[in-house]
Amino acid sequence: MTEKSDLEKFPLEIRDKLIPDYTGDVVYECIGCGKEFDINQFLYTCPECKSLLRLNDRNFYSLKSIKGKTWQEIFDYRKMLNLESLKGIFLFKELLFPTIPLDDVIYLGEGHTPIVRANPDLQRIVGMDFYVKNDGLNPSASFKDRGMASAISYINYSIKSRDLKEVLGICASTGDTSAAAALLKSLC
């Protein structure tokens, strides 16, 4: 864990934002009827109309009070902290899933995959020079690791906050999703 005294090395104007404390006001929001539901329930569809649910941070726009350039600086300096939970996708915790405490984040190194130049034939077909992210080098060899890190971190948070002793993880998949889920769930 990074000590508070370690933060003195960073610019004063962003120091208080390096270790995220923003928790948002996240709810499930139905894309059909617009009703909202407590995020601490395990819901897959709207109990009212059976439409899909999305996560909605009702305070998200308060983050706009911080300028984009400042956010960029925060994320750049945050990478220097010795906090494993901020090394992966939760580097962007405020924007991703602010309700999950840092202690509940599951991290295996996902996201730190190389960007490689596309081969010349593909560049010619597309008509431009471009690069691709090689997510096959994630811990489970799957591009699903980023999203699954968020999902399993939320499950880890739910297990701890409800003081559950045993949880069975079940995942139906043809491969990548289950590989990522099994690897990350093994750490809960």
N, C-alpha and C. Protein backbone atom coordinates (compact mmCIF):
# COMPACT_ATOMS: atom_id res chain seq x y z
N MET A 1 0.85 -1.19 0.00
CA MET A 1 0.00 0.00 0.00
C MET A 1 0.89 1.24 0.00
N THR A 2 0.47 2.22 -0.71
CA THR A 2 1.20 3.48 -0.75
C THR A 2 0.95 4.24 0.54
N GLU A 3 2.00 4.74 1.13
CA GLU A 3 1.88 5.53 2.35
C GLU A 3 1.47 6.95 1.99
N LYS A 4 0.74 7.60 2.89
CA LYS A 4 0.32 8.99 2.66
C LYS A 4 1.53 9.89 2.45
N SER A 5 2.62 9.60 3.17
CA SER A 5 3.83 10.42 3.02
C SER A 5 4.42 10.29 1.61
N ASP A 6 4.20 9.14 0.96
CA ASP A 6 4.68 8.95 -0.41
C ASP A 6 4.00 9.92 -1.38
N LEU A 7 2.78 10.30 -1.06
CA LEU A 7 2.03 11.19 -1.95
C LEU A 7 2.62 12.59 -2.01
N GLU A 8 3.44 12.94 -1.03
CA GLU A 8 4.05 14.27 -1.00
C GLU A 8 4.99 14.49 -2.18
N LYS A 9 5.38 13.42 -2.84
CA LYS A 9 6.26 13.52 -4.01
C LYS A 9 5.52 13.97 -5.27
N PHE A 10 4.21 13.94 -5.22
CA PHE A 10 3.40 14.24 -6.40
C PHE A 10 2.88 15.67 -6.37
N PRO A 11 2.50 16.21 -7.53
CA PRO A 11 2.02 17.60 -7.59
C PRO A 11 0.84 17.84 -6.65
N LEU A 12 0.89 18.93 -5.94
CA LEU A 12 -0.12 19.27 -4.94
C LEU A 12 -1.53 19.31 -5.53
N GLU A 13 -1.67 19.85 -6.74
CA GLU A 13 -3.01 20.04 -7.31
C GLU A 13 -3.74 18.72 -7.64
N ILE A 14 -3.03 17.60 -7.70
CA ILE A 14 -3.69 16.32 -7.97
C ILE A 14 -3.51 15.30 -6.84
N ARG A 15 -2.74 15.64 -5.86
CA ARG A 15 -2.37 14.70 -4.80
C ARG A 15 -3.58 14.05 -4.14
N ASP A 16 -4.63 14.82 -3.86
CA ASP A 16 -5.79 14.27 -3.16
C ASP A 16 -6.66 13.39 -4.06
N LYS A 17 -6.34 13.32 -5.34
CA LYS A 17 -7.13 12.51 -6.27
C LYS A 17 -6.40 11.24 -6.72
N LEU A 18 -5.16 11.07 -6.30
CA LEU A 18 -4.38 9.91 -6.75
C LEU A 18 -4.94 8.59 -6.23
N ILE A 19 -5.32 8.56 -4.97
CA ILE A 19 -5.99 7.38 -4.43
C ILE A 19 -7.48 7.69 -4.45
N PRO A 20 -8.22 7.03 -5.34
CA PRO A 20 -9.62 7.41 -5.55
C PRO A 20 -10.48 7.22 -4.31
N ASP A 21 -11.29 8.23 -4.01
CA ASP A 21 -12.26 8.09 -2.92
C ASP A 21 -13.68 8.35 -3.42
N TYR A 22 -13.83 8.67 -4.68
CA TYR A 22 -15.14 8.87 -5.29
C TYR A 22 -15.86 7.54 -5.38
N THR A 23 -17.07 7.45 -4.83
CA THR A 23 -17.83 6.20 -4.87
C THR A 23 -19.05 6.28 -5.77
N GLY A 24 -19.37 7.46 -6.25
CA GLY A 24 -20.51 7.59 -7.15
C GLY A 24 -21.83 7.27 -6.47
N ASP A 25 -22.85 7.20 -7.28
CA ASP A 25 -24.19 6.81 -6.85
C ASP A 25 -24.72 5.88 -7.94
N VAL A 26 -24.21 4.66 -7.94
CA VAL A 26 -24.48 3.72 -9.03
C VAL A 26 -25.74 2.92 -8.74
N VAL A 27 -26.60 2.84 -9.75
CA VAL A 27 -27.83 2.06 -9.69
C VAL A 27 -27.97 1.28 -11.00
N TYR A 28 -28.81 0.24 -10.95
CA TYR A 28 -29.25 -0.38 -12.20
C TYR A 28 -30.32 0.54 -12.78
N GLU A 29 -30.28 0.76 -14.08
CA GLU A 29 -31.31 1.54 -14.75
C GLU A 29 -31.84 0.71 -15.91
N CYS A 30 -33.14 0.55 -15.97
CA CYS A 30 -33.77 -0.23 -17.04
C CYS A 30 -33.75 0.58 -18.33
N ILE A 31 -33.30 -0.03 -19.43
CA ILE A 31 -33.27 0.69 -20.71
C ILE A 31 -34.66 0.71 -21.35
N GLY A 32 -35.60 -0.07 -20.80
CA GLY A 32 -36.96 -0.10 -21.32
C GLY A 32 -37.87 0.91 -20.64
N CYS A 33 -38.06 0.74 -19.33
CA CYS A 33 -39.01 1.59 -18.60
C CYS A 33 -38.34 2.71 -17.82
N GLY A 34 -37.01 2.68 -17.69
CA GLY A 34 -36.30 3.75 -17.00
C GLY A 34 -36.26 3.65 -15.49
N LYS A 35 -36.88 2.63 -14.91
CA LYS A 35 -36.87 2.48 -13.45
C LYS A 35 -35.47 2.13 -12.97
N GLU A 36 -35.19 2.54 -11.73
CA GLU A 36 -33.88 2.30 -11.13
C GLU A 36 -34.01 1.31 -9.98
N PHE A 37 -32.92 0.53 -9.80
CA PHE A 37 -32.91 -0.50 -8.76
C PHE A 37 -31.56 -0.47 -8.04
N ASP A 38 -31.59 -0.85 -6.78
CA ASP A 38 -30.39 -0.88 -5.94
C ASP A 38 -29.34 -1.82 -6.53
N ILE A 39 -28.13 -1.35 -6.58
CA ILE A 39 -27.04 -2.14 -7.17
C ILE A 39 -26.65 -3.33 -6.31
N ASN A 40 -27.05 -3.35 -5.06
CA ASN A 40 -26.69 -4.46 -4.19
C ASN A 40 -27.57 -5.69 -4.38
N GLN A 41 -28.49 -5.63 -5.32
CA GLN A 41 -29.27 -6.80 -5.71
C GLN A 41 -28.57 -7.47 -6.89
N PHE A 42 -28.72 -8.77 -7.01
CA PHE A 42 -28.22 -9.46 -8.21
C PHE A 42 -29.38 -9.51 -9.19
N LEU A 43 -29.38 -8.61 -10.13
CA LEU A 43 -30.43 -8.55 -11.15
C LEU A 43 -29.83 -8.73 -12.53
N TYR A 44 -30.56 -9.39 -13.39
CA TYR A 44 -30.11 -9.58 -14.76
C TYR A 44 -31.00 -8.83 -15.75
N THR A 45 -32.28 -8.75 -15.40
CA THR A 45 -33.24 -8.01 -16.22
C THR A 45 -34.13 -7.20 -15.28
N CYS A 46 -34.85 -6.27 -15.84
CA CYS A 46 -35.74 -5.41 -15.05
C CYS A 46 -36.86 -6.24 -14.43
N PRO A 47 -37.05 -6.15 -13.11
CA PRO A 47 -38.14 -6.88 -12.45
C PRO A 47 -39.52 -6.40 -12.91
N GLU A 48 -39.58 -5.18 -13.44
CA GLU A 48 -40.87 -4.61 -13.85
C GLU A 48 -41.26 -5.00 -15.28
N CYS A 49 -40.34 -4.76 -16.24
CA CYS A 49 -40.71 -4.95 -17.66
C CYS A 49 -39.85 -5.99 -18.37
N LYS A 50 -38.88 -6.57 -17.66
CA LYS A 50 -37.99 -7.62 -18.20
C LYS A 50 -37.00 -7.13 -19.25
N SER A 51 -36.85 -5.83 -19.43
CA SER A 51 -35.85 -5.29 -20.36
C SER A 51 -34.46 -5.39 -19.74
N LEU A 52 -33.46 -5.05 -20.52
CA LEU A 52 -32.08 -5.08 -20.05
C LEU A 52 -31.81 -3.94 -19.07
N LEU A 53 -30.84 -4.17 -18.21
CA LEU A 53 -30.41 -3.17 -17.24
C LEU A 53 -29.02 -2.66 -17.61
N ARG A 54 -28.77 -1.41 -17.30
CA ARG A 54 -27.42 -0.86 -17.43
C ARG A 54 -27.04 -0.26 -16.09
N LEU A 55 -25.75 -0.11 -15.88
CA LEU A 55 -25.29 0.56 -14.67
C LEU A 55 -25.27 2.05 -14.95
N ASN A 56 -25.80 2.82 -14.03
CA ASN A 56 -25.84 4.27 -14.19
C ASN A 56 -25.32 4.93 -12.92
N ASP A 57 -24.28 5.72 -13.06
CA ASP A 57 -23.76 6.51 -11.94
C ASP A 57 -24.47 7.86 -12.00
N ARG A 58 -25.41 8.05 -11.09
CA ARG A 58 -26.21 9.28 -11.12
C ARG A 58 -25.38 10.52 -10.83
N ASN A 59 -24.17 10.36 -10.30
CA ASN A 59 -23.29 11.50 -10.02
C ASN A 59 -22.16 11.62 -11.03
N PHE A 60 -22.21 10.85 -12.10
CA PHE A 60 -21.10 10.81 -13.06
C PHE A 60 -20.72 12.19 -13.58
N TYR A 61 -21.70 13.01 -13.86
CA TYR A 61 -21.39 14.32 -14.46
C TYR A 61 -20.67 15.26 -13.49
N SER A 62 -20.67 14.93 -12.19
CA SER A 62 -19.89 15.74 -11.24
C SER A 62 -18.40 15.59 -11.51
N LEU A 63 -18.00 14.50 -12.16
CA LEU A 63 -16.59 14.29 -12.50
C LEU A 63 -16.13 15.28 -13.56
N LYS A 64 -17.07 15.88 -14.28
CA LYS A 64 -16.70 16.86 -15.31
C LYS A 64 -16.14 18.15 -14.72
N SER A 65 -16.27 18.33 -13.42
CA SER A 65 -15.69 19.52 -12.80
C SER A 65 -14.16 19.46 -12.84
N ILE A 66 -13.63 18.28 -13.09
CA ILE A 66 -12.18 18.11 -13.26
C ILE A 66 -11.90 18.08 -14.76
N LYS A 67 -11.03 18.95 -15.22
CA LYS A 67 -10.74 19.06 -16.64
C LYS A 67 -10.06 17.80 -17.17
N GLY A 68 -10.25 17.54 -18.45
CA GLY A 68 -9.67 16.36 -19.10
C GLY A 68 -8.17 16.27 -18.94
N LYS A 69 -7.49 17.39 -19.08
CA LYS A 69 -6.03 17.40 -18.94
C LYS A 69 -5.61 17.01 -17.52
N THR A 70 -6.40 17.44 -16.54
CA THR A 70 -6.12 17.08 -15.14
C THR A 70 -6.33 15.59 -14.92
N TRP A 71 -7.42 15.03 -15.50
CA TRP A 71 -7.63 13.59 -15.40
C TRP A 71 -6.45 12.84 -16.00
N GLN A 72 -5.97 13.30 -17.14
CA GLN A 72 -4.83 12.65 -17.79
C GLN A 72 -3.62 12.65 -16.85
N GLU A 73 -3.40 13.77 -16.19
CA GLU A 73 -2.29 13.88 -15.24
C GLU A 73 -2.50 12.93 -14.05
N ILE A 74 -3.73 12.88 -13.54
CA ILE A 74 -4.04 11.98 -12.42
C ILE A 74 -3.72 10.54 -12.80
N PHE A 75 -4.19 10.12 -13.97
CA PHE A 75 -3.97 8.74 -14.40
C PHE A 75 -2.49 8.47 -14.65
N ASP A 76 -1.78 9.43 -15.21
CA ASP A 76 -0.34 9.26 -15.45
C ASP A 76 0.42 9.08 -14.13
N TYR A 77 0.13 9.93 -13.16
CA TYR A 77 0.82 9.83 -11.87
C TYR A 77 0.34 8.62 -11.06
N ARG A 78 -0.93 8.25 -11.21
CA ARG A 78 -1.47 7.11 -10.48
C ARG A 78 -0.72 5.83 -10.85
N LYS A 79 -0.24 5.75 -12.09
CA LYS A 79 0.51 4.58 -12.54
C LYS A 79 1.79 4.38 -11.72
N MET A 80 2.27 5.45 -11.10
CA MET A 80 3.51 5.38 -10.33
C MET A 80 3.29 4.89 -8.90
N LEU A 81 2.04 4.82 -8.47
CA LEU A 81 1.76 4.37 -7.11
C LEU A 81 2.01 2.88 -6.98
N ASN A 82 2.34 2.47 -5.78
CA ASN A 82 2.59 1.06 -5.51
C ASN A 82 1.31 0.41 -4.98
N LEU A 83 0.23 0.54 -5.73
CA LEU A 83 -1.05 -0.05 -5.36
C LEU A 83 -1.47 -1.01 -6.46
N GLU A 84 -1.42 -2.30 -6.18
CA GLU A 84 -1.75 -3.29 -7.19
C GLU A 84 -3.15 -3.08 -7.76
N SER A 85 -4.11 -2.69 -6.91
CA SER A 85 -5.48 -2.54 -7.37
C SER A 85 -5.65 -1.41 -8.38
N LEU A 86 -4.67 -0.53 -8.49
CA LEU A 86 -4.74 0.56 -9.47
C LEU A 86 -3.84 0.31 -10.67
N LYS A 87 -3.31 -0.89 -10.80
CA LYS A 87 -2.40 -1.19 -11.90
C LYS A 87 -3.13 -1.62 -13.17
N GLY A 88 -4.32 -2.15 -13.07
CA GLY A 88 -5.05 -2.63 -14.23
C GLY A 88 -6.13 -1.66 -14.65
N ILE A 89 -7.30 -2.20 -14.97
CA ILE A 89 -8.40 -1.37 -15.46
C ILE A 89 -8.91 -0.41 -14.39
N PHE A 90 -8.68 -0.73 -13.12
CA PHE A 90 -9.15 0.15 -12.05
C PHE A 90 -8.27 1.37 -11.86
N LEU A 91 -7.28 1.54 -12.72
CA LEU A 91 -6.56 2.81 -12.81
C LEU A 91 -7.58 3.92 -13.04
N PHE A 92 -8.64 3.57 -13.75
CA PHE A 92 -9.71 4.51 -14.10
C PHE A 92 -10.96 4.27 -13.24
N LYS A 93 -10.77 3.95 -11.98
CA LYS A 93 -11.84 3.53 -11.07
C LYS A 93 -13.05 4.45 -11.08
N GLU A 94 -12.83 5.74 -11.04
CA GLU A 94 -13.94 6.69 -10.98
C GLU A 94 -14.85 6.56 -12.20
N LEU A 95 -14.26 6.23 -13.34
CA LEU A 95 -15.01 6.15 -14.59
C LEU A 95 -15.56 4.76 -14.85
N LEU A 96 -15.02 3.77 -14.17
CA LEU A 96 -15.36 2.38 -14.48
C LEU A 96 -16.42 1.81 -13.54
N PHE A 97 -16.07 1.68 -12.27
CA PHE A 97 -16.98 1.07 -11.29
C PHE A 97 -16.62 1.63 -9.92
N PRO A 98 -17.03 2.86 -9.63
CA PRO A 98 -16.56 3.55 -8.43
C PRO A 98 -17.02 2.95 -7.11
N THR A 99 -18.05 2.10 -7.12
CA THR A 99 -18.56 1.57 -5.86
C THR A 99 -17.68 0.47 -5.26
N ILE A 100 -16.79 -0.11 -6.06
CA ILE A 100 -15.96 -1.20 -5.57
C ILE A 100 -14.76 -0.64 -4.80
N PRO A 101 -14.63 -0.98 -3.50
CA PRO A 101 -13.47 -0.53 -2.74
C PRO A 101 -12.18 -1.12 -3.32
N LEU A 102 -11.09 -0.39 -3.23
CA LEU A 102 -9.82 -0.86 -3.78
C LEU A 102 -9.39 -2.19 -3.20
N ASP A 103 -9.73 -2.45 -1.93
CA ASP A 103 -9.35 -3.72 -1.29
C ASP A 103 -10.04 -4.93 -1.92
N ASP A 104 -11.12 -4.70 -2.66
CA ASP A 104 -11.87 -5.80 -3.26
C ASP A 104 -11.55 -6.01 -4.74
N VAL A 105 -10.69 -5.18 -5.29
CA VAL A 105 -10.34 -5.29 -6.70
C VAL A 105 -9.46 -6.53 -6.92
N ILE A 106 -9.83 -7.32 -7.91
CA ILE A 106 -9.04 -8.49 -8.32
C ILE A 106 -8.21 -8.07 -9.53
N TYR A 107 -6.90 -8.25 -9.44
CA TYR A 107 -5.99 -7.83 -10.50
C TYR A 107 -4.96 -8.91 -10.77
N LEU A 108 -4.80 -9.25 -12.03
CA LEU A 108 -3.79 -10.25 -12.42
C LEU A 108 -2.84 -9.74 -13.49
N GLY A 109 -2.95 -8.48 -13.82
CA GLY A 109 -2.09 -7.95 -14.87
C GLY A 109 -2.82 -7.71 -16.17
N GLU A 110 -4.14 -7.83 -16.14
CA GLU A 110 -4.92 -7.64 -17.37
C GLU A 110 -4.74 -6.23 -17.92
N GLY A 111 -4.77 -6.14 -19.21
CA GLY A 111 -4.71 -4.84 -19.86
C GLY A 111 -3.33 -4.39 -20.28
N HIS A 112 -2.31 -4.98 -19.73
CA HIS A 112 -0.95 -4.56 -20.08
C HIS A 112 -0.43 -5.40 -21.24
N THR A 113 -1.13 -5.30 -22.35
CA THR A 113 -0.78 -6.06 -23.54
C THR A 113 -0.20 -5.12 -24.59
N PRO A 114 0.64 -5.65 -25.47
CA PRO A 114 1.31 -4.77 -26.43
C PRO A 114 0.39 -4.27 -27.55
N ILE A 115 0.74 -3.13 -28.06
CA ILE A 115 0.11 -2.61 -29.27
C ILE A 115 1.09 -2.89 -30.39
N VAL A 116 0.64 -3.64 -31.40
CA VAL A 116 1.53 -4.04 -32.49
C VAL A 116 1.02 -3.51 -33.82
N ARG A 117 1.94 -3.21 -34.68
CA ARG A 117 1.60 -2.70 -36.00
C ARG A 117 0.91 -3.79 -36.82
N ALA A 118 -0.18 -3.44 -37.47
CA ALA A 118 -0.89 -4.38 -38.34
C ALA A 118 0.02 -4.77 -39.50
N ASN A 119 -0.18 -5.98 -40.01
CA ASN A 119 0.69 -6.43 -41.10
C ASN A 119 0.41 -5.62 -42.37
N PRO A 120 1.38 -5.55 -43.26
CA PRO A 120 1.27 -4.71 -44.46
C PRO A 120 0.06 -5.03 -45.34
N ASP A 121 -0.29 -6.31 -45.48
CA ASP A 121 -1.44 -6.67 -46.31
C ASP A 121 -2.73 -6.10 -45.73
N LEU A 122 -2.90 -6.20 -44.43
CA LEU A 122 -4.10 -5.67 -43.79
C LEU A 122 -4.13 -4.15 -43.88
N GLN A 123 -2.99 -3.51 -43.71
CA GLN A 123 -2.92 -2.05 -43.84
C GLN A 123 -3.32 -1.63 -45.26
N ARG A 124 -2.88 -2.40 -46.24
CA ARG A 124 -3.20 -2.08 -47.63
C ARG A 124 -4.71 -2.20 -47.86
N ILE A 125 -5.32 -3.26 -47.36
CA ILE A 125 -6.77 -3.48 -47.52
C ILE A 125 -7.56 -2.36 -46.86
N VAL A 126 -7.14 -1.98 -45.66
CA VAL A 126 -7.84 -0.93 -44.91
C VAL A 126 -7.52 0.45 -45.48
N GLY A 127 -6.35 0.57 -46.08
CA GLY A 127 -5.98 1.85 -46.69
C GLY A 127 -5.28 2.81 -45.76
N MET A 128 -4.74 2.28 -44.68
CA MET A 128 -4.02 3.14 -43.74
C MET A 128 -3.12 2.32 -42.83
N ASP A 129 -2.15 2.99 -42.26
CA ASP A 129 -1.25 2.40 -41.28
C ASP A 129 -1.99 2.39 -39.94
N PHE A 130 -2.05 1.24 -39.26
CA PHE A 130 -2.70 1.21 -37.95
C PHE A 130 -2.10 0.11 -37.08
N TYR A 131 -2.49 0.13 -35.81
CA TYR A 131 -1.97 -0.80 -34.82
C TYR A 131 -3.13 -1.54 -34.17
N VAL A 132 -2.84 -2.71 -33.62
CA VAL A 132 -3.86 -3.48 -32.92
C VAL A 132 -3.34 -3.85 -31.53
N LYS A 133 -4.26 -4.01 -30.60
CA LYS A 133 -3.93 -4.41 -29.24
C LYS A 133 -3.93 -5.94 -29.19
N ASN A 134 -2.85 -6.54 -28.77
CA ASN A 134 -2.73 -8.00 -28.72
C ASN A 134 -3.20 -8.51 -27.36
N ASP A 135 -4.52 -8.60 -27.19
CA ASP A 135 -5.07 -9.02 -25.91
C ASP A 135 -4.96 -10.52 -25.67
N GLY A 136 -4.43 -11.26 -26.64
CA GLY A 136 -4.15 -12.67 -26.41
C GLY A 136 -3.05 -12.88 -25.38
N LEU A 137 -2.36 -11.80 -25.01
CA LEU A 137 -1.30 -11.88 -24.00
C LEU A 137 -1.78 -11.49 -22.61
N ASN A 138 -3.10 -11.38 -22.42
CA ASN A 138 -3.66 -11.18 -21.09
C ASN A 138 -3.45 -12.45 -20.25
N PRO A 139 -3.62 -12.40 -18.93
CA PRO A 139 -3.34 -13.55 -18.07
C PRO A 139 -4.06 -14.85 -18.46
N SER A 140 -5.31 -14.76 -18.94
CA SER A 140 -6.03 -15.98 -19.34
C SER A 140 -5.92 -16.21 -20.85
N ALA A 141 -5.09 -15.43 -21.52
CA ALA A 141 -4.92 -15.49 -22.97
C ALA A 141 -6.21 -15.08 -23.69
N SER A 142 -7.00 -14.24 -23.03
CA SER A 142 -8.29 -13.85 -23.57
C SER A 142 -8.48 -12.34 -23.53
N PHE A 143 -9.16 -11.83 -24.55
CA PHE A 143 -9.50 -10.42 -24.55
C PHE A 143 -10.59 -10.11 -23.53
N LYS A 144 -11.18 -11.12 -22.94
CA LYS A 144 -12.27 -10.93 -21.97
C LYS A 144 -11.77 -10.56 -20.57
N ASP A 145 -10.47 -10.59 -20.35
CA ASP A 145 -9.93 -10.35 -19.01
C ASP A 145 -10.29 -8.98 -18.44
N ARG A 146 -10.30 -7.96 -19.27
CA ARG A 146 -10.60 -6.61 -18.76
C ARG A 146 -12.00 -6.53 -18.17
N GLY A 147 -12.99 -6.92 -18.95
CA GLY A 147 -14.37 -6.87 -18.46
C GLY A 147 -14.61 -7.82 -17.31
N MET A 148 -14.00 -8.98 -17.38
CA MET A 148 -14.19 -9.97 -16.32
C MET A 148 -13.53 -9.51 -15.02
N ALA A 149 -12.45 -8.76 -15.09
CA ALA A 149 -11.82 -8.22 -13.88
C ALA A 149 -12.81 -7.31 -13.15
N SER A 150 -13.57 -6.55 -13.89
CA SER A 150 -14.59 -5.69 -13.30
C SER A 150 -15.70 -6.52 -12.68
N ALA A 151 -16.21 -7.51 -13.42
CA ALA A 151 -17.30 -8.35 -12.93
C ALA A 151 -16.89 -9.14 -11.69
N ILE A 152 -15.74 -9.76 -11.73
CA ILE A 152 -15.29 -10.59 -10.60
C ILE A 152 -14.93 -9.71 -9.40
N SER A 153 -14.41 -8.52 -9.63
CA SER A 153 -14.14 -7.60 -8.52
C SER A 153 -15.45 -7.23 -7.83
N TYR A 154 -16.52 -7.03 -8.61
CA TYR A 154 -17.82 -6.73 -8.01
C TYR A 154 -18.33 -7.93 -7.22
N ILE A 155 -18.16 -9.12 -7.76
CA ILE A 155 -18.57 -10.32 -7.02
C ILE A 155 -17.76 -10.45 -5.73
N ASN A 156 -16.47 -10.18 -5.79
CA ASN A 156 -15.62 -10.22 -4.60
C ASN A 156 -16.12 -9.22 -3.55
N TYR A 157 -16.44 -8.02 -3.99
CA TYR A 157 -17.01 -7.00 -3.10
C TYR A 157 -18.31 -7.49 -2.48
N SER A 158 -19.18 -8.09 -3.30
CA SER A 158 -20.47 -8.58 -2.81
C SER A 158 -20.29 -9.70 -1.79
N ILE A 159 -19.36 -10.60 -2.05
CA ILE A 159 -19.08 -11.70 -1.12
C ILE A 159 -18.65 -11.14 0.24
N LYS A 160 -17.72 -10.20 0.21
CA LYS A 160 -17.20 -9.63 1.47
C LYS A 160 -18.25 -8.79 2.18
N SER A 161 -18.99 -7.97 1.45
CA SER A 161 -19.95 -7.07 2.10
C SER A 161 -21.14 -7.84 2.67
N ARG A 162 -21.43 -9.01 2.14
CA ARG A 162 -22.54 -9.84 2.64
C ARG A 162 -22.05 -10.94 3.58
N ASP A 163 -20.73 -11.01 3.78
CA ASP A 163 -20.12 -12.02 4.63
C ASP A 163 -20.54 -13.44 4.21
N LEU A 164 -20.50 -13.68 2.90
CA LEU A 164 -20.84 -15.00 2.37
C LEU A 164 -19.65 -15.93 2.55
N LYS A 165 -19.92 -17.16 2.91
CA LYS A 165 -18.85 -18.13 3.16
C LYS A 165 -18.51 -18.94 1.92
N GLU A 166 -19.52 -19.30 1.14
CA GLU A 166 -19.29 -20.09 -0.06
C GLU A 166 -20.08 -19.50 -1.22
N VAL A 167 -19.43 -19.38 -2.35
CA VAL A 167 -20.08 -18.88 -3.55
C VAL A 167 -19.65 -19.77 -4.71
N LEU A 168 -20.61 -20.24 -5.45
CA LEU A 168 -20.33 -21.07 -6.62
C LEU A 168 -20.39 -20.19 -7.85
N GLY A 169 -19.32 -20.17 -8.61
CA GLY A 169 -19.29 -19.39 -9.84
C GLY A 169 -19.61 -20.30 -11.02
N ILE A 170 -20.62 -19.94 -11.79
CA ILE A 170 -21.02 -20.71 -12.97
C ILE A 170 -21.00 -19.78 -14.17
N CYS A 171 -20.41 -20.25 -15.25
CA CYS A 171 -20.30 -19.42 -16.44
C CYS A 171 -20.50 -20.29 -17.68
N ALA A 172 -21.44 -19.91 -18.53
CA ALA A 172 -21.66 -20.62 -19.79
C ALA A 172 -20.92 -19.87 -20.89
N SER A 173 -20.04 -20.58 -21.57
CA SER A 173 -19.21 -19.92 -22.57
C SER A 173 -18.60 -20.96 -23.50
N THR A 174 -18.18 -20.51 -24.66
CA THR A 174 -17.47 -21.40 -25.58
C THR A 174 -15.96 -21.33 -25.37
N GLY A 175 -15.51 -20.53 -24.41
CA GLY A 175 -14.08 -20.52 -24.17
C GLY A 175 -13.54 -19.30 -23.45
N ASP A 176 -13.41 -18.18 -24.16
CA ASP A 176 -12.72 -17.01 -23.61
C ASP A 176 -13.35 -16.49 -22.33
N THR A 177 -14.67 -16.39 -22.30
CA THR A 177 -15.33 -15.86 -21.10
C THR A 177 -15.08 -16.77 -19.91
N SER A 178 -15.24 -18.07 -20.10
CA SER A 178 -15.03 -19.02 -19.00
C SER A 178 -13.59 -19.05 -18.54
N ALA A 179 -12.66 -18.95 -19.47
CA ALA A 179 -11.24 -18.95 -19.09
C ALA A 179 -10.93 -17.75 -18.20
N ALA A 180 -11.41 -16.59 -18.61
CA ALA A 180 -11.18 -15.37 -17.82
C ALA A 180 -11.89 -15.46 -16.47
N ALA A 181 -13.15 -15.92 -16.48
CA ALA A 181 -13.92 -16.01 -15.23
C ALA A 181 -13.28 -17.00 -14.26
N ALA A 182 -12.88 -18.16 -14.74
CA ALA A 182 -12.29 -19.18 -13.86
C ALA A 182 -10.99 -18.67 -13.23
N LEU A 183 -10.16 -18.06 -14.04
CA LEU A 183 -8.88 -17.56 -13.52
C LEU A 183 -9.09 -16.48 -12.46
N LEU A 184 -9.92 -15.49 -12.77
CA LEU A 184 -10.13 -14.39 -11.83
C LEU A 184 -10.94 -14.83 -10.61
N LYS A 185 -11.95 -15.68 -10.80
CA LYS A 185 -12.78 -16.13 -9.68
C LYS A 185 -11.97 -16.97 -8.70
N SER A 186 -10.90 -17.61 -9.17
CA SER A 186 -10.07 -18.42 -8.27
C SER A 186 -9.40 -17.57 -7.19
N LEU A 187 -9.40 -16.26 -7.35
CA LEU A 187 -8.77 -15.37 -6.38
C LEU A 187 -9.73 -14.79 -5.35
N CYS A 188 -11.03 -15.06 -5.50
CA CYS A 188 -12.01 -14.54 -4.52
C CYS A 188 -12.00 -15.37 -3.26
